[in-house]
Amino acid sequence: MRIVEMFPREESTVTFLETDLQSYFQGEEKILQFSLGDKKYSFLCHQDGVQTRNSEVKALYGPVVVCSEQLQGLSEEEANLVMRYMNNNEFELSNITLH
């Protein structure tokens, strides 16, 4: 499954995940929604890896995975688009919503 993987203070990368998403997060994932233009993606992090206040995402900790809204892999074109968006400092927490 092709995903975009991001770690704090590092550039995001397109990665091919050979396990399922539950295994990646050891069954403790939190699913959020990430919007890029009019397209929505699933944004997964560890349950303890997100800080919220008043139903808004305020901080992220640890690895983050971006995949399709249906928790499937991204096309090569979509993965590169999301990666470029995140790496060009256009990524904002306001684009993430609780799922």
PDB file of N, CA and C in Angstrom:
ATOM      1  N   MET A   1       0.845  -1.166   0.000  1.00  0.00           N
ATOM      2  CA  MET A   1       0.000   0.000   0.000  1.00  0.00           C
ATOM      3  C   MET A   1       0.899   1.239   0.000  1.00  0.00           C
ATOM      4  N   ARG A   2       0.697   2.113  -0.961  1.00  0.00           N
ATOM      5  CA  ARG A   2       1.478   3.353  -1.047  1.00  0.00           C
ATOM      6  C   ARG A   2       0.853   4.401  -0.135  1.00  0.00           C
ATOM      7  N   ILE A   3       1.685   4.970   0.745  1.00  0.00           N
ATOM      8  CA  ILE A   3       1.229   5.970   1.704  1.00  0.00           C
ATOM      9  C   ILE A   3       2.218   7.128   1.719  1.00  0.00           C
ATOM     10  N   VAL A   4       1.845   8.190   2.378  1.00  0.00           N
ATOM     11  CA  VAL A   4       2.783   9.269   2.696  1.00  0.00           C
ATOM     12  C   VAL A   4       3.012   9.174   4.198  1.00  0.00           C
ATOM     13  N   GLU A   5       4.278   9.114   4.571  1.00  0.00           N
ATOM     14  CA  GLU A   5       4.656   8.971   5.971  1.00  0.00           C
ATOM     15  C   GLU A   5       5.370  10.236   6.415  1.00  0.00           C
ATOM     16  N   MET A   6       5.019  10.720   7.591  1.00  0.00           N
ATOM     17  CA  MET A   6       5.614  11.958   8.086  1.00  0.00           C
ATOM     18  C   MET A   6       6.012  11.773   9.548  1.00  0.00           C
ATOM     19  N   PHE A   7       7.208  12.237   9.870  1.00  0.00           N
ATOM     20  CA  PHE A   7       7.683  12.271  11.245  1.00  0.00           C
ATOM     21  C   PHE A   7       7.899  13.737  11.617  1.00  0.00           C
ATOM     22  N   PRO A   8       7.696  14.097  12.886  1.00  0.00           N
ATOM     23  CA  PRO A   8       7.901  15.491  13.289  1.00  0.00           C
ATOM     24  C   PRO A   8       9.297  15.989  12.925  1.00  0.00           C
ATOM     25  N   ARG A   9       9.362  17.199  12.431  1.00  0.00           N
ATOM     26  CA  ARG A   9      10.609  17.887  12.072  1.00  0.00           C
ATOM     27  C   ARG A   9      11.396  17.210  10.953  1.00  0.00           C
ATOM     28  N   GLU A  10      10.747  16.356  10.181  1.00  0.00           N
ATOM     29  CA  GLU A  10      11.378  15.719   9.031  1.00  0.00           C
ATOM     30  C   GLU A  10      10.466  15.904   7.831  1.00  0.00           C
ATOM     31  N   GLU A  11      11.037  15.797   6.646  1.00  0.00           N
ATOM     32  CA  GLU A  11      10.209  15.859   5.446  1.00  0.00           C
ATOM     33  C   GLU A  11       9.417  14.572   5.309  1.00  0.00           C
ATOM     34  N   SER A  12       8.244  14.677   4.753  1.00  0.00           N
ATOM     35  CA  SER A  12       7.435  13.489   4.516  1.00  0.00           C
ATOM     36  C   SER A  12       7.991  12.738   3.308  1.00  0.00           C
ATOM     37  N   THR A  13       7.693  11.453   3.249  1.00  0.00           N
ATOM     38  CA  THR A  13       8.162  10.618   2.147  1.00  0.00           C
ATOM     39  C   THR A  13       7.036   9.716   1.674  1.00  0.00           C
ATOM     40  N   VAL A  14       7.110   9.333   0.404  1.00  0.00           N
ATOM     41  CA  VAL A  14       6.195   8.333  -0.127  1.00  0.00           C
ATOM     42  C   VAL A  14       6.817   6.984   0.208  1.00  0.00           C
ATOM     43  N   THR A  15       6.041   6.126   0.827  1.00  0.00           N
ATOM     44  CA  THR A  15       6.529   4.843   1.298  1.00  0.00           C
ATOM     45  C   THR A  15       5.555   3.758   0.882  1.00  0.00           C
ATOM     46  N   PHE A  16       6.081   2.567   0.631  1.00  0.00           N
ATOM     47  CA  PHE A  16       5.216   1.426   0.363  1.00  0.00           C
ATOM     48  C   PHE A  16       5.136   0.610   1.639  1.00  0.00           C
ATOM     49  N   LEU A  17       3.952   0.516   2.211  1.00  0.00           N
ATOM     50  CA  LEU A  17       3.722  -0.182   3.465  1.00  0.00           C
ATOM     51  C   LEU A  17       3.348  -1.627   3.159  1.00  0.00           C
ATOM     52  N   GLU A  18       4.124  -2.560   3.683  1.00  0.00           N
ATOM     53  CA  GLU A  18       3.868  -3.977   3.402  1.00  0.00           C
ATOM     54  C   GLU A  18       2.955  -4.633   4.421  1.00  0.00           C
ATOM     55  N   THR A  19       2.680  -3.945   5.529  1.00  0.00           N
ATOM     56  CA  THR A  19       1.746  -4.468   6.523  1.00  0.00           C
ATOM     57  C   THR A  19       0.471  -3.633   6.470  1.00  0.00           C
ATOM     58  N   ASP A  20      -0.511  -4.017   7.249  1.00  0.00           N
ATOM     59  CA  ASP A  20      -1.719  -3.197   7.285  1.00  0.00           C
ATOM     60  C   ASP A  20      -1.522  -2.049   8.272  1.00  0.00           C
ATOM     61  N   LEU A  21      -2.418  -1.092   8.216  1.00  0.00           N
ATOM     62  CA  LEU A  21      -2.289   0.109   9.047  1.00  0.00           C
ATOM     63  C   LEU A  21      -2.413  -0.198  10.532  1.00  0.00           C
ATOM     64  N   GLN A  22      -3.236  -1.182  10.893  1.00  0.00           N
ATOM     65  CA  GLN A  22      -3.364  -1.543  12.306  1.00  0.00           C
ATOM     66  C   GLN A  22      -2.049  -2.098  12.840  1.00  0.00           C
ATOM     67  N   SER A  23      -1.352  -2.886  12.037  1.00  0.00           N
ATOM     68  CA  SER A  23      -0.057  -3.421  12.462  1.00  0.00           C
ATOM     69  C   SER A  23       0.964  -2.301  12.596  1.00  0.00           C
ATOM     70  N   TYR A  24       0.922  -1.330  11.693  1.00  0.00           N
ATOM     71  CA  TYR A  24       1.859  -0.210  11.729  1.00  0.00           C
ATOM     72  C   TYR A  24       1.762   0.523  13.067  1.00  0.00           C
ATOM     73  N   PHE A  25       0.548   0.736  13.535  1.00  0.00           N
ATOM     74  CA  PHE A  25       0.324   1.447  14.793  1.00  0.00           C
ATOM     75  C   PHE A  25       0.037   0.488  15.952  1.00  0.00           C
ATOM     76  N   GLN A  26       0.256  -0.781  15.762  1.00  0.00           N
ATOM     77  CA  GLN A  26       0.055  -1.821  16.773  1.00  0.00           C
ATOM     78  C   GLN A  26      -1.352  -1.778  17.358  1.00  0.00           C
ATOM     79  N   GLY A  27      -2.328  -1.513  16.497  1.00  0.00           N
ATOM     80  CA  GLY A  27      -3.726  -1.513  16.905  1.00  0.00           C
ATOM     81  C   GLY A  27      -4.152  -0.309  17.719  1.00  0.00           C
ATOM     82  N   GLU A  28      -3.302   0.703  17.815  1.00  0.00           N
ATOM     83  CA  GLU A  28      -3.628   1.873  18.631  1.00  0.00           C
ATOM     84  C   GLU A  28      -3.642   3.154  17.797  1.00  0.00           C
ATOM     85  N   GLU A  29      -4.231   3.067  16.597  1.00  0.00           N
ATOM     86  CA  GLU A  29      -4.263   4.238  15.724  1.00  0.00           C
ATOM     87  C   GLU A  29      -5.470   5.120  15.991  1.00  0.00           C
ATOM     88  N   LYS A  30      -5.321   6.365  15.663  1.00  0.00           N
ATOM     89  CA  LYS A  30      -6.421   7.340  15.702  1.00  0.00           C
ATOM     90  C   LYS A  30      -6.581   7.820  14.269  1.00  0.00           C
ATOM     91  N   ILE A  31      -7.799   7.777  13.772  1.00  0.00           N
ATOM     92  CA  ILE A  31      -8.062   8.172  12.385  1.00  0.00           C
ATOM     93  C   ILE A  31      -8.647   9.572  12.374  1.00  0.00           C
ATOM     94  N   LEU A  32      -7.982  10.447  11.655  1.00  0.00           N
ATOM     95  CA  LEU A  32      -8.443  11.820  11.458  1.00  0.00           C
ATOM     96  C   LEU A  32      -8.707  11.996   9.968  1.00  0.00           C
ATOM     97  N   GLN A  33      -9.213  13.138   9.589  1.00  0.00           N
ATOM     98  CA  GLN A  33      -9.446  13.419   8.178  1.00  0.00           C
ATOM     99  C   GLN A  33      -8.620  14.631   7.786  1.00  0.00           C
ATOM    100  N   PHE A  34      -7.978  14.530   6.632  1.00  0.00           N
ATOM    101  CA  PHE A  34      -7.096  15.571   6.124  1.00  0.00           C
ATOM    102  C   PHE A  34      -7.648  16.035   4.788  1.00  0.00           C
ATOM    103  N   SER A  35      -7.810  17.335   4.622  1.00  0.00           N
ATOM    104  CA  SER A  35      -8.332  17.892   3.369  1.00  0.00           C
ATOM    105  C   SER A  35      -7.230  18.609   2.620  1.00  0.00           C
ATOM    106  N   LEU A  36      -7.172  18.351   1.341  1.00  0.00           N
ATOM    107  CA  LEU A  36      -6.241  19.023   0.446  1.00  0.00           C
ATOM    108  C   LEU A  36      -7.062  19.471  -0.751  1.00  0.00           C
ATOM    109  N   GLY A  37      -7.406  20.748  -0.769  1.00  0.00           N
ATOM    110  CA  GLY A  37      -8.330  21.238  -1.789  1.00  0.00           C
ATOM    111  C   GLY A  37      -9.694  20.625  -1.526  1.00  0.00           C
ATOM    112  N   ASP A  38     -10.290  20.030  -2.553  1.00  0.00           N
ATOM    113  CA  ASP A  38     -11.604  19.400  -2.382  1.00  0.00           C
ATOM    114  C   ASP A  38     -11.490  17.900  -2.145  1.00  0.00           C
ATOM    115  N   LYS A  39     -10.279  17.388  -2.023  1.00  0.00           N
ATOM    116  CA  LYS A  39     -10.034  15.959  -1.816  1.00  0.00           C
ATOM    117  C   LYS A  39      -9.793  15.669  -0.337  1.00  0.00           C
ATOM    118  N   LYS A  40     -10.388  14.586   0.164  1.00  0.00           N
ATOM    119  CA  LYS A  40     -10.215  14.202   1.564  1.00  0.00           C
ATOM    120  C   LYS A  40      -9.386  12.926   1.650  1.00  0.00           C
ATOM    121  N   TYR A  41      -8.528  12.867   2.655  1.00  0.00           N
ATOM    122  CA  TYR A  41      -7.672  11.717   2.904  1.00  0.00           C
ATOM    123  C   TYR A  41      -7.802  11.305   4.358  1.00  0.00           C
ATOM    124  N   SER A  42      -7.498  10.048   4.640  1.00  0.00           N
ATOM    125  CA  SER A  42      -7.415   9.604   6.027  1.00  0.00           C
ATOM    126  C   SER A  42      -6.025   9.934   6.536  1.00  0.00           C
ATOM    127  N   PHE A  43      -5.967  10.393   7.744  1.00  0.00           N
ATOM    128  CA  PHE A  43      -4.744  10.866   8.379  1.00  0.00           C
ATOM    129  C   PHE A  43      -4.648  10.082   9.679  1.00  0.00           C
ATOM    130  N   LEU A  44      -3.712   9.152   9.764  1.00  0.00           N
ATOM    131  CA  LEU A  44      -3.624   8.276  10.916  1.00  0.00           C
ATOM    132  C   LEU A  44      -2.392   8.580  11.747  1.00  0.00           C
ATOM    133  N   CYS A  45      -2.571   8.520  13.052  1.00  0.00           N
ATOM    134  CA  CYS A  45      -1.459   8.682  13.978  1.00  0.00           C
ATOM    135  C   CYS A  45      -1.724   7.768  15.165  1.00  0.00           C
ATOM    136  N   HIS A  46      -0.770   7.678  16.065  1.00  0.00           N
ATOM    137  CA  HIS A  46      -0.950   6.886  17.273  1.00  0.00           C
ATOM    138  C   HIS A  46      -2.014   7.567  18.144  1.00  0.00           C
ATOM    139  N   GLN A  47      -2.770   6.794  18.898  1.00  0.00           N
ATOM    140  CA  GLN A  47      -3.830   7.359  19.746  1.00  0.00           C
ATOM    141  C   GLN A  47      -3.314   8.478  20.641  1.00  0.00           C
ATOM    142  N   ASP A  48      -2.105   8.307  21.152  1.00  0.00           N
ATOM    143  CA  ASP A  48      -1.523   9.334  22.023  1.00  0.00           C
ATOM    144  C   ASP A  48      -0.760  10.393  21.237  1.00  0.00           C
ATOM    145  N   GLY A  49      -0.809  10.315  19.913  1.00  0.00           N
ATOM    146  CA  GLY A  49      -0.020  11.205  19.072  1.00  0.00           C
ATOM    147  C   GLY A  49      -0.736  12.450  18.597  1.00  0.00           C
ATOM    148  N   VAL A  50      -1.895  12.721  19.167  1.00  0.00           N
ATOM    149  CA  VAL A  50      -2.637  13.907  18.753  1.00  0.00           C
ATOM    150  C   VAL A  50      -3.180  14.614  19.986  1.00  0.00           C
ATOM    151  N   GLN A  51      -3.044  15.930  19.990  1.00  0.00           N
ATOM    152  CA  GLN A  51      -3.578  16.751  21.072  1.00  0.00           C
ATOM    153  C   GLN A  51      -4.708  17.593  20.487  1.00  0.00           C
ATOM    154  N   THR A  52      -5.879  17.524  21.133  1.00  0.00           N
ATOM    155  CA  THR A  52      -7.027  18.291  20.651  1.00  0.00           C
ATOM    156  C   THR A  52      -7.537  19.203  21.758  1.00  0.00           C
ATOM    157  N   ARG A  53      -8.185  20.266  21.322  1.00  0.00           N
ATOM    158  CA  ARG A  53      -8.842  21.188  22.243  1.00  0.00           C
ATOM    159  C   ARG A  53     -10.048  21.761  21.501  1.00  0.00           C
ATOM    160  N   ASN A  54     -11.209  21.717  22.146  1.00  0.00           N
ATOM    161  CA  ASN A  54     -12.447  22.204  21.533  1.00  0.00           C
ATOM    162  C   ASN A  54     -12.681  21.575  20.160  1.00  0.00           C
ATOM    163  N   SER A  55     -12.452  20.280  20.066  1.00  0.00           N
ATOM    164  CA  SER A  55     -12.644  19.499  18.830  1.00  0.00           C
ATOM    165  C   SER A  55     -11.736  19.943  17.692  1.00  0.00           C
ATOM    166  N   GLU A  56     -10.633  20.628  17.994  1.00  0.00           N
ATOM    167  CA  GLU A  56      -9.666  21.029  16.974  1.00  0.00           C
ATOM    168  C   GLU A  56      -8.318  20.387  17.280  1.00  0.00           C
ATOM    169  N   VAL A  57      -7.607  19.982  16.230  1.00  0.00           N
ATOM    170  CA  VAL A  57      -6.274  19.402  16.391  1.00  0.00           C
ATOM    171  C   VAL A  57      -5.303  20.540  16.676  1.00  0.00           C
ATOM    172  N   LYS A  58      -4.592  20.429  17.786  1.00  0.00           N
ATOM    173  CA  LYS A  58      -3.646  21.473  18.199  1.00  0.00           C
ATOM    174  C   LYS A  58      -2.194  21.048  18.040  1.00  0.00           C
ATOM    175  N   ALA A  59      -1.906  19.732  18.116  1.00  0.00           N
ATOM    176  CA  ALA A  59      -0.526  19.263  18.002  1.00  0.00           C
ATOM    177  C   ALA A  59      -0.513  17.793  17.601  1.00  0.00           C
ATOM    178  N   LEU A  60       0.560  17.401  16.918  1.00  0.00           N
ATOM    179  CA  LEU A  60       0.778  16.013  16.524  1.00  0.00           C
ATOM    180  C   LEU A  60       2.137  15.566  17.029  1.00  0.00           C
ATOM    181  N   TYR A  61       2.207  14.308  17.456  1.00  0.00           N
ATOM    182  CA  TYR A  61       3.452  13.732  17.949  1.00  0.00           C
ATOM    183  C   TYR A  61       3.640  12.368  17.295  1.00  0.00           C
ATOM    184  N   GLY A  62       4.859  12.032  16.970  1.00  0.00           N
ATOM    185  CA  GLY A  62       5.142  10.716  16.412  1.00  0.00           C
ATOM    186  C   GLY A  62       4.805  10.623  14.948  1.00  0.00           C
ATOM    187  N   PRO A  63       4.883   9.409  14.406  1.00  0.00           N
ATOM    188  CA  PRO A  63       4.655   9.248  12.964  1.00  0.00           C
ATOM    189  C   PRO A  63       3.195   9.455  12.587  1.00  0.00           C
ATOM    190  N   VAL A  64       3.014   9.905  11.367  1.00  0.00           N
ATOM    191  CA  VAL A  64       1.695  10.122  10.780  1.00  0.00           C
ATOM    192  C   VAL A  64       1.682   9.436   9.422  1.00  0.00           C
ATOM    193  N   VAL A  65       0.560   8.843   9.066  1.00  0.00           N
ATOM    194  CA  VAL A  65       0.389   8.191   7.778  1.00  0.00           C
ATOM    195  C   VAL A  65      -0.811   8.832   7.089  1.00  0.00           C
ATOM    196  N   VAL A  66      -0.643   9.174   5.818  1.00  0.00           N
ATOM    197  CA  VAL A  66      -1.754   9.685   5.016  1.00  0.00           C
ATOM    198  C   VAL A  66      -2.062   8.651   3.947  1.00  0.00           C
ATOM    199  N   CYS A  67      -3.333   8.252   3.856  1.00  0.00           N
ATOM    200  CA  CYS A  67      -3.769   7.297   2.839  1.00  0.00           C
ATOM    201  C   CYS A  67      -5.125   7.758   2.314  1.00  0.00           C
ATOM    202  N   SER A  68      -5.751   6.943   1.491  1.00  0.00           N
ATOM    203  CA  SER A  68      -7.040   7.348   0.935  1.00  0.00           C
ATOM    204  C   SER A  68      -8.098   7.411   2.034  1.00  0.00           C
ATOM    205  N   GLU A  69      -9.171   8.089   1.733  1.00  0.00           N
ATOM    206  CA  GLU A  69     -10.260   8.236   2.698  1.00  0.00           C
ATOM    207  C   GLU A  69     -10.824   6.870   3.110  1.00  0.00           C
ATOM    208  N   GLN A  70     -10.713   5.877   2.234  1.00  0.00           N
ATOM    209  CA  GLN A  70     -11.218   4.527   2.515  1.00  0.00           C
ATOM    210  C   GLN A  70     -10.145   3.631   3.133  1.00  0.00           C
ATOM    211  N   LEU A  71      -9.045   4.243   3.640  1.00  0.00           N
ATOM    212  CA  LEU A  71      -7.925   3.526   4.255  1.00  0.00           C
ATOM    213  C   LEU A  71      -7.238   2.576   3.274  1.00  0.00           C
ATOM    214  N   GLN A  72      -7.187   2.991   2.020  1.00  0.00           N
ATOM    215  CA  GLN A  72      -6.487   2.249   0.980  1.00  0.00           C
ATOM    216  C   GLN A  72      -5.255   3.038   0.565  1.00  0.00           C
ATOM    217  N   GLY A  73      -4.410   2.430  -0.240  1.00  0.00           N
ATOM    218  CA  GLY A  73      -3.208   3.100  -0.722  1.00  0.00           C
ATOM    219  C   GLY A  73      -3.531   4.247  -1.660  1.00  0.00           C
ATOM    220  N   LEU A  74      -2.561   5.126  -1.835  1.00  0.00           N
ATOM    221  CA  LEU A  74      -2.684   6.262  -2.744  1.00  0.00           C
ATOM    222  C   LEU A  74      -2.094   5.911  -4.099  1.00  0.00           C
ATOM    223  N   SER A  75      -2.590   6.553  -5.136  1.00  0.00           N
ATOM    224  CA  SER A  75      -1.946   6.417  -6.433  1.00  0.00           C
ATOM    225  C   SER A  75      -0.603   7.142  -6.353  1.00  0.00           C
ATOM    226  N   GLU A  76       0.288   6.859  -7.266  1.00  0.00           N
ATOM    227  CA  GLU A  76       1.596   7.515  -7.256  1.00  0.00           C
ATOM    228  C   GLU A  76       1.436   9.030  -7.378  1.00  0.00           C
ATOM    229  N   GLU A  77       0.517   9.462  -8.215  1.00  0.00           N
ATOM    230  CA  GLU A  77       0.268  10.892  -8.423  1.00  0.00           C
ATOM    231  C   GLU A  77      -0.250  11.557  -7.142  1.00  0.00           C
ATOM    232  N   GLU A  78      -1.238  10.910  -6.490  1.00  0.00           N
ATOM    233  CA  GLU A  78      -1.780  11.462  -5.246  1.00  0.00           C
ATOM    234  C   GLU A  78      -0.726  11.516  -4.148  1.00  0.00           C
ATOM    235  N   ALA A  79       0.053  10.447  -4.016  1.00  0.00           N
ATOM    236  CA  ALA A  79       1.086  10.384  -2.972  1.00  0.00           C
ATOM    237  C   ALA A  79       2.107  11.497  -3.170  1.00  0.00           C
ATOM    238  N   ASN A  80       2.534  11.717  -4.394  1.00  0.00           N
ATOM    239  CA  ASN A  80       3.506  12.782  -4.668  1.00  0.00           C
ATOM    240  C   ASN A  80       2.911  14.161  -4.414  1.00  0.00           C
ATOM    241  N   LEU A  81       1.643  14.351  -4.735  1.00  0.00           N
ATOM    242  CA  LEU A  81       0.968  15.620  -4.478  1.00  0.00           C
ATOM    243  C   LEU A  81       0.911  15.909  -2.976  1.00  0.00           C
ATOM    244  N   VAL A  82       0.474  14.927  -2.180  1.00  0.00           N
ATOM    245  CA  VAL A  82       0.381  15.101  -0.729  1.00  0.00           C
ATOM    246  C   VAL A  82       1.770  15.350  -0.136  1.00  0.00           C
ATOM    247  N   MET A  83       2.767  14.582  -0.588  1.00  0.00           N
ATOM    248  CA  MET A  83       4.130  14.747  -0.084  1.00  0.00           C
ATOM    249  C   MET A  83       4.666  16.147  -0.375  1.00  0.00           C
ATOM    250  N   ARG A  84       4.484  16.623  -1.590  1.00  0.00           N
ATOM    251  CA  ARG A  84       4.949  17.971  -1.940  1.00  0.00           C
ATOM    252  C   ARG A  84       4.246  19.030  -1.093  1.00  0.00           C
ATOM    253  N   TYR A  85       2.955  18.872  -0.922  1.00  0.00           N
ATOM    254  CA  TYR A  85       2.169  19.807  -0.112  1.00  0.00           C
ATOM    255  C   TYR A  85       2.720  19.865   1.310  1.00  0.00           C
ATOM    256  N   MET A  86       2.973  18.713   1.900  1.00  0.00           N
ATOM    257  CA  MET A  86       3.452  18.659   3.274  1.00  0.00           C
ATOM    258  C   MET A  86       4.889  19.167   3.391  1.00  0.00           C
ATOM    259  N   ASN A  87       5.710  18.896   2.412  1.00  0.00           N
ATOM    260  CA  ASN A  87       7.117  19.295   2.472  1.00  0.00           C
ATOM    261  C   ASN A  87       7.344  20.766   2.155  1.00  0.00           C
ATOM    262  N   ASN A  88       6.415  21.398   1.477  1.00  0.00           N
ATOM    263  CA  ASN A  88       6.568  22.811   1.113  1.00  0.00           C
ATOM    264  C   ASN A  88       5.981  23.739   2.163  1.00  0.00           C
ATOM    265  N   ASN A  89       5.854  23.228   3.380  1.00  0.00           N
ATOM    266  CA  ASN A  89       5.361  24.012   4.516  1.00  0.00           C
ATOM    267  C   ASN A  89       3.977  24.613   4.286  1.00  0.00           C
ATOM    268  N   GLU A  90       3.187  23.955   3.485  1.00  0.00           N
ATOM    269  CA  GLU A  90       1.820  24.404   3.261  1.00  0.00           C
ATOM    270  C   GLU A  90       0.852  23.645   4.157  1.00  0.00           C
ATOM    271  N   PHE A  91       1.391  22.711   4.920  1.00  0.00           N
ATOM    272  CA  PHE A  91       0.587  21.863   5.792  1.00  0.00           C
ATOM    273  C   PHE A  91       0.212  22.615   7.060  1.00  0.00           C
ATOM    274  N   GLU A  92      -1.071  22.625   7.386  1.00  0.00           N
ATOM    275  CA  GLU A  92      -1.543  23.298   8.585  1.00  0.00           C
ATOM    276  C   GLU A  92      -2.475  22.377   9.351  1.00  0.00           C
ATOM    277  N   LEU A  93      -2.385  22.443  10.651  1.00  0.00           N
ATOM    278  CA  LEU A  93      -3.245  21.607  11.492  1.00  0.00           C
ATOM    279  C   LEU A  93      -4.723  21.894  11.254  1.00  0.00           C
ATOM    280  N   SER A  94      -5.034  23.085  10.798  1.00  0.00           N
ATOM    281  CA  SER A  94      -6.441  23.433  10.545  1.00  0.00           C
ATOM    282  C   SER A  94      -7.032  22.603   9.416  1.00  0.00           C
ATOM    283  N   ASN A  95      -6.186  21.923   8.612  1.00  0.00           N
ATOM    284  CA  ASN A  95      -6.673  21.065   7.532  1.00  0.00           C
ATOM    285  C   ASN A  95      -7.024  19.662   8.029  1.00  0.00           C
ATOM    286  N   ILE A  96      -6.850  19.416   9.321  1.00  0.00           N
ATOM    287  CA  ILE A  96      -7.131  18.113   9.908  1.00  0.00           C
ATOM    288  C   ILE A  96      -8.367  18.219  10.780  1.00  0.00           C
ATOM    289  N   THR A  97      -9.277  17.281  10.608  1.00  0.00           N
ATOM    290  CA  THR A  97     -10.481  17.264  11.440  1.00  0.00           C
ATOM    291  C   THR A  97     -10.611  15.907  12.101  1.00  0.00           C
ATOM    292  N   LEU A  98     -11.311  15.881  13.220  1.00  0.00           N
ATOM    293  CA  LEU A  98     -11.572  14.617  13.912  1.00  0.00           C
ATOM    294  C   LEU A  98     -12.525  13.790  13.081  1.00  0.00           C
ATOM    295  N   HIS A  99     -12.300  12.513  13.019  1.00  0.00           N
ATOM    296  CA  HIS A  99     -13.086  11.609  12.184  1.00  0.00           C
ATOM    297  C   HIS A  99     -14.228  11.041  12.970  1.00  0.00           C
TER     298      HIS A  99
END
